[in-house]
Amino acid sequence: MATAATNLALVKPSTFSVPKSRNPSKLRVFTLRCSSATANAVPDLAERPWKTADARLVLEDGSIWRAKSFGASGTQVGEVVFNTSLTGYQEILTDPSYAGQFVLMTNPHIGNSGVNFDDEESRQCFLGGLVIRNLSISTSNYRCAETLGDYLAERNIMGIYDVDTRAITRRLRQDGSLIGVLSTEETKSDEELLEMSRSWDIVGVDLISGVSCKSPHEWVDKTNSEWEFKNSKDGEAFRVVAYDFGIKHNILRRLASYGCKITVVPSTWPASETLKMKPDGVLFSNGPGDPSAVPYAVETVKEILGKVPVFGICMGHQLLGLALGGTTFKMKFGHHGGNHPVRNLRTGHVEISAQNHNYAVDPTSLPDGVEVTRVNLNDGSCAGLAYPARNIMSIQYHPEASPGPHDSDYAFREFIALMKRVKVNA
């Protein structure tokens, strides 16, 4: 292979004056001679010193977005959703509720704080891929253990960057969440990837069974004292059984910090076995996907209702809605981020919440006696339920945040108060 080399030579610099001017200025004139020569190229010098686009995101609407890859390589299909959080990408990566999805971060600069092994919300990354605008070329954080790219590669998670995330977000807001295919494989044509995106669906798929634990275990870890913000001291200890539909570690840490003794059980754990444990309360956790795709979980919830106090978070909130006879529906693009305003209808207070869900409960389908306690102020959707006669409470967002503000942490305190009241009156 040959390449052309260009030689530049400066010839006879000269000086002249501009005539007919009161303040003549002297200008220097240079003659630049250019010549080129062909020589054998050195392979290393012929390579571009920057990474070029080597990946594609193909959406089911036919749009093709070329980008640069980081993390793992290959081809992966998933539902594309956008997250508006400014920080906390590591907690987002390890949130099991993102199973089956590509997460697009609207914050343009990602990776600057690297990753550490204290902020993980589950045992692994369950999301399908990460889509970002700008990948930081350096990390700066005292807890950083490795770069984001290395972290994803080790966990076989694909990522792309240098793509117009703002344009994709606008498309998702207009058309709703879209199925997409991420690929670094040049052998696959755009048509093949488009067909993959149009032949896959996330609706009606049981994603919970792939993220839940396999056997019961005790949880004892509390929120690290470095991050603890609760002023009150631990009171009476309550025994809680937590159903793992994709539970985040910080939900368990917050419960433990409030004095609860927690047993985590799989999503398929029989209600009869739970009741044999004689818990003071049962937590139905967050989790991924369509709540109507897990009828076994709905039946479990039905068998427990009215027997012990229950608290549902996110997926748990939706399962409670179904167990009470209500219906759920798929939202246009869901709620994903740490800045969603919610009004508590009992107090009138507004809290900024962390949310991650694509489904919601239809409040008009619920029976008499069920109270809507909170609404999302962005779209008016149901964000919380209570059924005092059966000792039920639920919220459609994350009281533990991680990432996000701590406005909603008091929901754990409300659950403690509910268990205490029932125990006193028993």
Protein backbone atom coordinates (compact mmCIF):
# COMPACT_ATOMS: atom_id res chain seq x y z
CA MET A 1 0.00 0.00 0.00
CA ALA A 2 1.30 3.48 -0.84
CA THR A 3 0.61 6.83 0.67
CA ALA A 4 1.23 10.41 -0.45
CA ALA A 5 3.55 12.64 1.57
CA THR A 6 3.25 16.42 1.24
CA ASN A 7 6.30 18.71 1.52
CA LEU A 8 5.88 22.37 2.36
CA ALA A 9 8.61 24.93 1.68
CA LEU A 10 8.73 28.65 2.52
CA VAL A 11 10.20 30.67 -0.37
CA LYS A 12 11.54 34.31 -0.35
CA PRO A 13 9.57 36.19 2.26
CA SER A 14 9.22 39.87 1.15
CA THR A 15 7.88 43.15 2.49
CA PHE A 16 5.85 45.88 0.78
CA SER A 17 3.79 48.93 1.76
CA VAL A 18 0.19 49.71 0.94
CA PRO A 19 0.17 53.03 -1.02
CA LYS A 20 -2.21 55.97 -0.59
CA SER A 21 -2.66 55.48 3.12
CA ARG A 22 -2.02 57.98 5.91
CA ASN A 23 -0.67 55.19 8.07
CA PRO A 24 0.97 52.78 5.68
CA SER A 25 1.42 49.35 7.18
CA LYS A 26 4.03 46.91 6.14
CA LEU A 27 2.81 43.46 5.15
CA ARG A 28 4.95 40.38 4.86
CA VAL A 29 4.13 38.15 1.92
CA PHE A 30 5.06 34.48 1.87
CA THR A 31 5.16 32.12 -1.06
CA LEU A 32 4.25 28.57 -0.08
CA ARG A 33 5.40 25.82 -2.40
CA CYS A 34 3.67 22.44 -2.08
CA SER A 35 4.80 19.15 -3.48
CA SER A 36 3.81 15.55 -2.91
CA ALA A 37 5.60 12.28 -3.17
CA THR A 38 4.40 8.72 -3.07
CA ALA A 39 6.11 6.31 -0.74
CA ASN A 40 5.43 2.99 0.86
CA ALA A 41 3.20 3.51 3.91
CA VAL A 42 4.16 2.35 7.33
CA PRO A 43 1.16 0.27 8.54
CA ASP A 44 1.01 1.84 12.01
CA LEU A 45 1.12 5.37 10.60
CA ALA A 46 -1.72 4.60 8.17
CA GLU A 47 -4.13 3.74 10.99
CA ARG A 48 -6.40 6.44 12.32
CA PRO A 49 -5.51 7.43 15.88
CA TRP A 50 -9.19 7.56 16.93
CA LYS A 51 -11.95 4.96 17.13
CA THR A 52 -14.40 4.91 14.23
CA ALA A 53 -18.04 3.86 14.19
CA ASP A 54 -18.17 0.08 14.50
CA ALA A 55 -21.64 -0.55 15.91
CA ARG A 56 -25.28 -0.07 14.96
CA LEU A 57 -28.51 0.43 16.85
CA VAL A 58 -31.38 -0.60 14.60
CA LEU A 59 -34.86 0.30 15.85
CA GLU A 60 -38.08 -1.40 14.84
CA ASP A 61 -39.29 1.84 13.19
CA GLY A 62 -36.56 1.36 10.57
CA SER A 63 -34.12 3.98 11.83
CA ILE A 64 -30.43 3.04 11.96
CA TRP A 65 -28.03 4.75 14.37
CA ARG A 66 -24.31 4.26 13.82
CA ALA A 67 -22.09 4.51 16.88
CA LYS A 68 -18.89 3.38 18.53
CA SER A 69 -18.83 0.33 20.74
CA PHE A 70 -17.46 -0.29 24.22
CA GLY A 71 -17.89 -3.15 26.64
CA ALA A 72 -18.85 -6.45 25.03
CA SER A 73 -19.30 -7.13 21.32
CA GLY A 74 -21.86 -9.18 19.42
CA THR A 75 -25.58 -8.76 18.71
CA GLN A 76 -28.33 -8.21 21.28
CA VAL A 77 -32.05 -7.40 21.11
CA GLY A 78 -33.99 -5.43 23.73
CA GLU A 79 -36.53 -2.69 24.42
CA VAL A 80 -35.02 0.81 24.33
CA VAL A 81 -35.96 3.11 27.23
CA PHE A 82 -34.46 6.42 28.35
CA ASN A 83 -33.35 7.29 31.88
CA THR A 84 -33.18 10.94 33.02
CA SER A 85 -30.96 10.43 36.09
CA LEU A 86 -27.91 12.69 36.26
CA THR A 87 -25.88 10.30 38.41
CA GLY A 88 -25.88 6.67 39.51
CA TYR A 89 -25.25 4.82 36.28
CA GLN A 90 -23.75 1.88 38.19
CA GLU A 91 -26.91 1.41 40.28
CA ILE A 92 -28.93 1.60 37.06
CA LEU A 93 -26.73 -1.03 35.37
CA THR A 94 -27.30 -3.46 38.24
CA ASP A 95 -31.04 -2.81 38.75
CA PRO A 96 -32.76 -6.12 37.83
CA SER A 97 -35.85 -4.19 36.72
CA TYR A 98 -33.98 -3.34 33.50
CA ALA A 99 -33.82 -6.97 32.35
CA GLY A 100 -34.58 -7.18 28.64
CA GLN A 101 -33.98 -3.48 28.04
CA PHE A 102 -31.38 -1.14 26.56
CA VAL A 103 -30.97 1.89 28.82
CA LEU A 104 -30.31 5.21 27.09
CA MET A 105 -28.91 7.84 29.43
CA THR A 106 -30.13 11.37 28.65
CA ASN A 107 -27.26 12.84 30.67
CA PRO A 108 -24.59 13.16 27.96
CA HIS A 109 -21.40 12.48 29.93
CA ILE A 110 -21.12 8.98 31.41
CA GLY A 111 -18.22 7.04 32.93
CA ASN A 112 -16.34 9.90 34.60
CA SER A 113 -16.50 8.33 38.08
CA GLY A 114 -15.72 4.79 36.92
CA VAL A 115 -17.27 1.94 38.88
CA ASN A 116 -16.78 0.44 42.34
CA PHE A 117 -18.04 -2.70 44.01
CA ASP A 118 -20.03 -1.05 46.81
CA ASP A 119 -22.79 0.53 44.72
CA GLU A 120 -24.09 -2.58 42.96
CA GLU A 121 -27.82 -3.21 43.41
CA SER A 122 -27.78 -6.93 42.58
CA ARG A 123 -25.46 -9.83 41.94
CA GLN A 124 -25.00 -8.98 38.23
CA CYS A 125 -25.99 -6.67 35.36
CA PHE A 126 -29.33 -7.77 33.92
CA LEU A 127 -29.91 -5.07 31.29
CA GLY A 128 -29.33 -5.77 27.61
CA GLY A 129 -27.12 -2.79 26.82
CA LEU A 130 -26.17 0.81 27.53
CA VAL A 131 -26.58 3.73 25.09
CA ILE A 132 -24.77 7.02 25.85
CA ARG A 133 -23.70 10.20 24.11
CA ASN A 134 -20.17 10.65 25.44
CA LEU A 135 -17.93 8.08 27.10
CA SER A 136 -15.48 9.69 29.51
CA ILE A 137 -11.85 9.08 28.56
CA SER A 138 -10.74 9.26 32.20
CA THR A 139 -12.10 8.50 35.66
CA SER A 140 -11.87 10.58 38.82
CA ASN A 141 -13.34 9.20 42.04
CA TYR A 142 -11.72 8.02 45.25
CA ARG A 143 -13.73 4.78 45.18
CA CYS A 144 -13.13 3.97 41.51
CA ALA A 145 -11.98 0.37 40.98
CA GLU A 146 -12.12 0.14 37.18
CA THR A 147 -13.42 1.89 34.09
CA LEU A 148 -16.98 1.56 32.86
CA GLY A 149 -15.85 -0.08 29.62
CA ASP A 150 -13.84 -2.77 31.41
CA TYR A 151 -16.72 -3.34 33.84
CA LEU A 152 -19.21 -3.96 31.02
CA ALA A 153 -16.81 -6.14 29.03
CA GLU A 154 -16.23 -8.41 32.04
CA ARG A 155 -20.00 -8.82 32.42
CA ASN A 156 -20.69 -9.32 28.71
CA ILE A 157 -22.83 -6.17 28.45
CA MET A 158 -22.79 -4.18 25.21
CA GLY A 159 -22.47 -0.40 25.16
CA ILE A 160 -22.42 2.24 22.43
CA TYR A 161 -21.44 5.91 22.45
CA ASP A 162 -21.08 8.86 20.07
CA VAL A 163 -24.73 8.49 19.11
CA ASP A 164 -27.37 11.25 19.14
CA THR A 165 -29.16 10.29 22.37
CA ARG A 166 -31.23 13.47 22.30
CA ALA A 167 -32.71 12.58 18.91
CA ILE A 168 -33.44 9.00 20.01
CA THR A 169 -35.08 10.24 23.22
CA ARG A 170 -37.34 12.56 21.24
CA ARG A 171 -38.30 9.64 19.03
CA LEU A 172 -39.11 7.46 22.06
CA ARG A 173 -41.20 10.23 23.63
CA GLN A 174 -43.11 10.65 20.39
CA ASP A 175 -43.56 7.03 19.34
CA GLY A 176 -43.15 5.19 22.66
CA SER A 177 -40.61 2.59 23.72
CA LEU A 178 -39.17 0.73 20.73
CA ILE A 179 -37.55 -2.66 20.28
CA GLY A 180 -33.99 -2.36 19.02
CA VAL A 181 -30.98 -4.44 18.11
CA LEU A 182 -27.41 -3.56 19.07
CA SER A 183 -24.73 -5.13 16.90
CA THR A 184 -21.01 -4.90 16.26
CA GLU A 185 -21.10 -7.72 13.69
CA GLU A 186 -20.39 -6.42 10.19
CA THR A 187 -21.59 -9.70 8.66
CA LYS A 188 -25.18 -8.90 9.64
CA SER A 189 -27.02 -6.62 7.25
CA ASP A 190 -29.25 -3.75 8.30
CA GLU A 191 -32.22 -5.72 6.96
CA GLU A 192 -31.38 -8.74 9.14
CA LEU A 193 -31.11 -6.57 12.26
CA LEU A 194 -34.38 -4.80 11.44
CA GLU A 195 -36.13 -8.15 11.08
CA MET A 196 -34.76 -9.21 14.48
CA SER A 197 -36.17 -6.07 16.09
CA ARG A 198 -39.59 -6.61 14.54
CA SER A 199 -39.83 -10.29 15.46
CA TRP A 200 -39.09 -9.89 19.20
CA ASP A 201 -41.46 -8.61 21.87
CA ILE A 202 -41.13 -7.95 25.59
CA VAL A 203 -44.88 -7.89 26.33
CA GLY A 204 -46.17 -11.04 28.01
CA VAL A 205 -42.69 -12.38 28.81
CA ASP A 206 -41.88 -13.63 32.32
CA LEU A 207 -38.66 -11.76 33.10
CA ILE A 208 -38.93 -12.19 36.86
CA SER A 209 -37.91 -15.85 36.92
CA GLY A 210 -34.55 -14.94 35.37
CA VAL A 211 -33.61 -12.36 38.03
CA SER A 212 -35.04 -13.85 41.23
CA CYS A 213 -32.93 -15.74 43.76
CA LYS A 214 -33.14 -19.55 43.69
CA SER A 215 -33.50 -20.29 47.40
CA PRO A 216 -34.43 -18.47 50.65
CA HIS A 217 -31.71 -16.63 52.54
CA GLU A 218 -31.36 -14.21 55.41
CA TRP A 219 -30.38 -10.58 54.85
CA VAL A 220 -28.57 -8.67 57.61
CA ASP A 221 -26.61 -5.83 55.96
CA LYS A 222 -27.72 -2.31 56.86
CA THR A 223 -27.03 0.96 55.12
CA ASN A 224 -23.35 1.81 55.57
CA SER A 225 -22.84 4.36 58.34
CA GLU A 226 -21.07 6.61 55.82
CA TRP A 227 -24.33 6.98 53.87
CA GLU A 228 -26.92 6.67 56.66
CA PHE A 229 -29.20 9.70 56.95
CA LYS A 230 -31.95 8.37 59.27
CA ASN A 231 -31.81 10.09 62.65
CA SER A 232 -34.13 7.83 64.63
CA LYS A 233 -32.71 4.83 66.44
CA ASP A 234 -33.80 1.27 65.70
CA GLY A 235 -36.96 0.35 67.58
CA GLU A 236 -38.76 -2.96 67.88
CA ALA A 237 -37.53 -5.61 65.45
CA PHE A 238 -40.07 -6.94 62.95
CA ARG A 239 -39.81 -10.15 61.00
CA VAL A 240 -40.26 -9.50 57.25
CA VAL A 241 -40.41 -11.94 54.35
CA ALA A 242 -39.28 -10.22 51.14
CA TYR A 243 -40.34 -11.73 47.81
CA ASP A 244 -37.51 -11.33 45.32
CA PHE A 245 -39.02 -10.34 41.98
CA GLY A 246 -35.75 -8.55 41.18
CA ILE A 247 -35.16 -6.82 44.50
CA LYS A 248 -32.51 -4.11 44.85
CA HIS A 249 -29.99 -4.49 47.66
CA ASN A 250 -30.68 -1.06 49.05
CA ILE A 251 -34.34 -1.88 49.65
CA LEU A 252 -33.13 -4.65 51.93
CA ARG A 253 -30.51 -2.41 53.54
CA ARG A 254 -33.12 0.25 54.32
CA LEU A 255 -35.45 -2.31 55.90
CA ALA A 256 -32.57 -3.68 57.95
CA SER A 257 -31.63 -0.16 59.02
CA TYR A 258 -35.15 0.25 60.36
CA GLY A 259 -34.63 -2.84 62.52
CA CYS A 260 -36.26 -5.54 60.39
CA LYS A 261 -35.10 -9.15 60.37
CA ILE A 262 -35.42 -10.17 56.74
CA THR A 263 -35.78 -13.47 54.94
CA VAL A 264 -35.56 -13.17 51.15
CA VAL A 265 -37.51 -15.80 49.20
CA PRO A 266 -37.75 -16.64 45.46
CA SER A 267 -40.58 -15.35 43.30
CA THR A 268 -42.11 -18.85 43.19
CA TRP A 269 -42.05 -19.38 46.95
CA PRO A 270 -45.46 -20.76 48.08
CA ALA A 271 -47.65 -18.45 50.15
CA SER A 272 -48.31 -21.32 52.57
CA GLU A 273 -44.59 -21.57 53.35
CA THR A 274 -44.40 -17.82 53.92
CA LEU A 275 -47.31 -17.89 56.36
CA LYS A 276 -45.67 -20.79 58.26
CA MET A 277 -42.78 -18.41 59.02
CA LYS A 278 -45.25 -16.19 60.91
CA PRO A 279 -43.84 -12.91 59.60
CA ASP A 280 -44.93 -9.52 60.92
CA GLY A 281 -45.09 -8.32 57.32
CA VAL A 282 -44.43 -9.27 53.71
CA LEU A 283 -42.64 -7.14 51.10
CA PHE A 284 -43.36 -7.62 47.40
CA SER A 285 -40.37 -6.14 45.61
CA ASN A 286 -39.61 -4.38 42.37
CA GLY A 287 -38.92 -6.40 39.23
CA PRO A 288 -38.81 -6.32 35.44
CA GLY A 289 -41.41 -6.62 32.75
CA ASP A 290 -45.12 -7.20 32.42
CA PRO A 291 -46.97 -8.02 35.68
CA SER A 292 -49.69 -9.88 33.77
CA ALA A 293 -47.00 -12.30 32.50
CA VAL A 294 -46.48 -13.75 36.00
CA PRO A 295 -49.91 -15.11 37.10
CA TYR A 296 -48.19 -17.37 39.64
CA ALA A 297 -46.96 -14.28 41.49
CA VAL A 298 -50.44 -12.73 41.43
CA GLU A 299 -51.89 -15.90 42.99
CA THR A 300 -49.22 -15.85 45.71
CA VAL A 301 -50.09 -12.25 46.55
CA LYS A 302 -53.82 -13.11 46.67
CA GLU A 303 -53.22 -15.91 49.19
CA ILE A 304 -51.26 -13.62 51.52
CA LEU A 305 -53.54 -10.54 51.42
CA GLY A 306 -55.48 -9.94 54.61
CA LYS A 307 -53.38 -12.36 56.66
CA VAL A 308 -50.36 -10.13 57.36
CA PRO A 309 -49.47 -6.50 56.55
CA VAL A 310 -47.99 -6.15 53.07
CA PHE A 311 -45.91 -3.51 51.29
CA GLY A 312 -45.53 -3.47 47.50
CA ILE A 313 -42.81 -1.58 45.62
CA CYS A 314 -42.95 -1.05 41.83
CA MET A 315 -43.67 -4.55 40.43
CA GLY A 316 -45.01 -5.43 43.87
CA HIS A 317 -47.40 -2.47 43.62
CA GLN A 318 -48.64 -3.71 40.22
CA LEU A 319 -49.08 -7.28 41.46
CA LEU A 320 -51.13 -5.97 44.38
CA GLY A 321 -53.33 -4.08 41.93
CA LEU A 322 -53.93 -7.26 39.94
CA ALA A 323 -54.50 -9.35 43.08
CA LEU A 324 -57.15 -6.87 44.24
CA GLY A 325 -59.05 -7.32 40.98
CA GLY A 326 -57.63 -4.34 39.07
CA THR A 327 -55.86 -4.16 35.74
CA THR A 328 -52.51 -2.87 34.54
CA PHE A 329 -51.49 -1.28 31.24
CA LYS A 330 -48.27 -0.63 29.34
CA MET A 331 -47.25 3.02 29.40
CA LYS A 332 -46.08 4.88 26.31
CA PHE A 333 -42.45 5.17 27.41
CA GLY A 334 -42.62 4.51 31.14
CA HIS A 335 -40.93 6.30 34.01
CA HIS A 336 -37.16 5.91 34.33
CA GLY A 337 -35.07 8.36 36.34
CA GLY A 338 -34.38 9.98 39.69
CA ASN A 339 -36.37 13.17 39.25
CA HIS A 340 -40.09 12.25 39.06
CA PRO A 341 -42.45 14.42 41.14
CA VAL A 342 -45.10 12.59 43.17
CA ARG A 343 -47.85 14.09 45.33
CA ASN A 344 -48.88 12.35 48.53
CA LEU A 345 -52.66 12.85 48.47
CA ARG A 346 -52.95 12.26 52.22
CA THR A 347 -50.52 15.01 53.22
CA GLY A 348 -50.40 17.18 50.12
CA HIS A 349 -46.61 17.00 50.16
CA VAL A 350 -44.63 16.60 46.94
CA GLU A 351 -41.61 14.31 46.85
CA ILE A 352 -39.04 13.84 44.10
CA SER A 353 -38.77 10.13 43.47
CA ALA A 354 -36.66 7.54 41.70
CA GLN A 355 -38.72 5.44 39.27
CA ASN A 356 -38.22 2.57 36.86
CA HIS A 357 -41.31 0.95 35.34
CA ASN A 358 -43.11 0.57 32.01
CA TYR A 359 -46.47 -0.56 33.45
CA ALA A 360 -49.01 1.10 35.71
CA VAL A 361 -52.17 0.22 37.64
CA ASP A 362 -55.47 1.53 36.29
CA PRO A 363 -57.06 3.10 39.41
CA THR A 364 -60.56 3.04 37.87
CA SER A 365 -60.42 -0.77 37.80
CA LEU A 366 -59.87 -1.16 41.55
CA PRO A 367 -62.67 -2.20 43.94
CA ASP A 368 -64.27 0.00 46.56
CA GLY A 369 -62.17 0.45 49.67
CA VAL A 370 -58.87 0.75 47.79
CA GLU A 371 -57.43 4.24 48.14
CA VAL A 372 -55.09 5.94 45.68
CA THR A 373 -52.56 7.57 48.01
CA ARG A 374 -50.12 9.11 45.51
CA VAL A 375 -50.11 10.38 41.94
CA ASN A 376 -47.31 11.09 39.51
CA LEU A 377 -47.43 14.81 38.74
CA ASN A 378 -45.97 14.40 35.25
CA ASP A 379 -48.86 12.38 33.85
CA GLY A 380 -51.35 11.82 36.70
CA SER A 381 -50.78 8.06 36.83
CA CYS A 382 -51.34 6.05 40.00
CA ALA A 383 -48.21 6.10 42.17
CA GLY A 384 -49.48 4.54 45.40
CA LEU A 385 -52.29 2.48 46.91
CA ALA A 386 -53.64 1.63 50.34
CA TYR A 387 -56.36 -0.73 51.54
CA PRO A 388 -56.58 -0.05 55.28
CA ALA A 389 -59.17 -2.77 55.90
CA ARG A 390 -56.67 -5.42 54.75
CA ASN A 391 -53.43 -3.75 55.92
CA ILE A 392 -52.10 -3.12 52.42
CA MET A 393 -49.83 -0.32 51.22
CA SER A 394 -47.86 0.13 48.00
CA ILE A 395 -45.94 2.67 45.94
CA GLN A 396 -45.00 2.70 42.26
CA TYR A 397 -41.49 4.05 42.81
CA HIS A 398 -38.31 3.41 44.79
CA PRO A 399 -38.26 4.69 48.39
CA GLU A 400 -34.62 3.56 48.74
CA ALA A 401 -33.66 5.72 45.69
CA SER A 402 -30.17 4.45 44.78
CA PRO A 403 -29.73 6.51 42.76
CA GLY A 404 -31.97 9.42 43.59
CA PRO A 405 -33.22 11.69 46.38
CA HIS A 406 -34.20 10.45 49.86
CA ASP A 407 -37.62 12.15 49.91
CA SER A 408 -39.50 8.84 49.92
CA ASP A 409 -37.57 6.97 52.58
CA TYR A 410 -40.42 7.61 55.03
CA ALA A 411 -42.41 4.86 53.22
CA PHE A 412 -40.32 2.30 55.11
CA ARG A 413 -41.29 4.04 58.33
CA GLU A 414 -44.96 3.79 57.31
CA PHE A 415 -44.56 0.05 56.77
CA ILE A 416 -42.99 -0.31 60.21
CA ALA A 417 -45.90 1.63 61.72
CA LEU A 418 -48.40 -0.60 59.89
CA MET A 419 -46.79 -3.79 61.23
CA LYS A 420 -46.61 -2.32 64.73
CA ARG A 421 -50.28 -1.32 64.72
CA VAL A 422 -51.40 -4.76 63.56
CA LYS A 423 -49.17 -6.48 66.10
CA VAL A 424 -50.50 -4.35 68.97
CA ASN A 425 -54.10 -5.01 67.99
CA ALA A 426 -53.62 -8.73 67.42
